């Protein structure tokens, strides 16, 4: 089995909003909206939401840098 490119579109399954963190690197980003997303290609991923979204919303997965310069997955409307 090999790697294959896949579109990053998917559907939000569940969301939550974090107001507290034990990791100082995330403190500047609070509150954080995160969600589980079923990608059309099959996998389910956890990612930061670019906005408040409800389960069932259609999104596109994009790679972005957070406020500390780390590479993370973010979700945004396509």
Protein backbone atom coordinates (compact mmCIF):
# COMPACT_ATOMS: atom_id res chain seq x y z
CA UNK A 1 0.00 0.00 0.00
CA UNK A 2 1.33 3.45 -0.85
CA UNK A 3 0.56 7.07 -0.09
CA UNK A 4 -2.05 8.85 -2.17
CA UNK A 5 -3.20 12.46 -2.23
CA UNK A 6 -6.75 13.01 -1.04
CA UNK A 7 -8.99 16.05 -0.82
CA UNK A 8 -9.37 17.50 2.67
CA UNK A 9 -13.15 17.92 2.58
CA UNK A 10 -15.24 16.43 5.35
CA UNK A 11 -18.18 16.68 7.73
CA UNK A 12 -18.03 17.80 11.38
CA UNK A 13 -19.01 14.97 13.74
CA UNK A 14 -18.63 16.72 17.11
CA UNK A 15 -17.19 19.94 18.54
CA UNK A 16 -15.99 21.30 21.86
CA UNK A 17 -14.51 24.53 23.14
CA UNK A 18 -11.49 24.56 25.46
CA UNK A 19 -11.24 27.41 27.96
CA UNK A 20 -8.34 26.09 30.08
CA UNK A 21 -4.99 24.56 29.13
CA UNK A 22 -2.08 23.13 31.09
CA UNK A 23 0.24 23.86 28.16
CA UNK A 24 1.45 27.49 28.25
CA UNK A 25 1.99 27.39 24.47
CA UNK A 26 -1.79 27.25 23.94
CA UNK A 27 -2.73 29.93 26.50
CA UNK A 28 -2.64 32.74 23.93
CA UNK A 29 -5.09 30.84 21.70
CA UNK A 30 -7.81 30.25 24.33
CA UNK A 31 -10.64 29.64 24.00
CA UNK A 32 -9.96 26.99 21.35
CA UNK A 33 -12.64 25.36 19.23
CA UNK A 34 -11.77 21.82 18.18
CA UNK A 35 -13.74 19.15 16.40
CA UNK A 36 -13.71 15.64 15.04
CA UNK A 37 -14.24 15.53 11.29
CA UNK A 38 -15.03 12.55 9.06
CA UNK A 39 -13.03 13.18 5.90
CA UNK A 40 -14.62 12.15 2.60
CA UNK A 41 -11.51 9.99 2.00
CA UNK A 42 -12.36 7.87 5.08
CA UNK A 43 -10.29 8.86 8.15
CA UNK A 44 -11.62 10.82 11.11
CA UNK A 45 -9.31 13.63 12.30
CA UNK A 46 -9.22 16.05 15.21
CA UNK A 47 -8.53 19.61 14.16
CA UNK A 48 -8.82 23.22 15.26
CA UNK A 49 -11.96 24.92 13.99
CA UNK A 50 -11.55 28.32 12.39
CA UNK A 51 -14.97 29.33 13.67
CA UNK A 52 -17.85 27.95 15.72
CA UNK A 53 -19.44 25.19 13.66
CA UNK A 54 -22.16 22.68 14.40
CA UNK A 55 -22.07 18.94 13.72
CA UNK A 56 -23.05 18.28 10.11
CA UNK A 57 -21.21 21.34 8.73
CA UNK A 58 -19.10 20.74 5.62
CA UNK A 59 -15.45 21.81 5.93
CA UNK A 60 -12.10 21.76 4.20
CA UNK A 61 -9.00 20.66 6.09
CA UNK A 62 -6.00 22.97 5.66
CA UNK A 63 -2.53 23.02 7.18
CA UNK A 64 -1.69 26.21 9.08
CA UNK A 65 0.66 27.50 11.77
CA UNK A 66 -0.65 28.27 15.25
CA UNK A 67 0.47 31.28 17.33
CA UNK A 68 3.60 29.38 18.44
CA UNK A 69 4.58 28.53 14.85
CA UNK A 70 3.61 24.84 15.06
CA UNK A 71 2.04 23.18 12.06
CA UNK A 72 -1.57 22.17 12.85
CA UNK A 73 -4.71 21.16 10.99
CA UNK A 74 -7.40 23.83 10.82
CA UNK A 75 -10.87 23.53 9.39
CA UNK A 76 -12.67 26.18 7.40
CA UNK A 77 -15.72 26.37 5.20
CA UNK A 78 -14.83 25.33 1.62
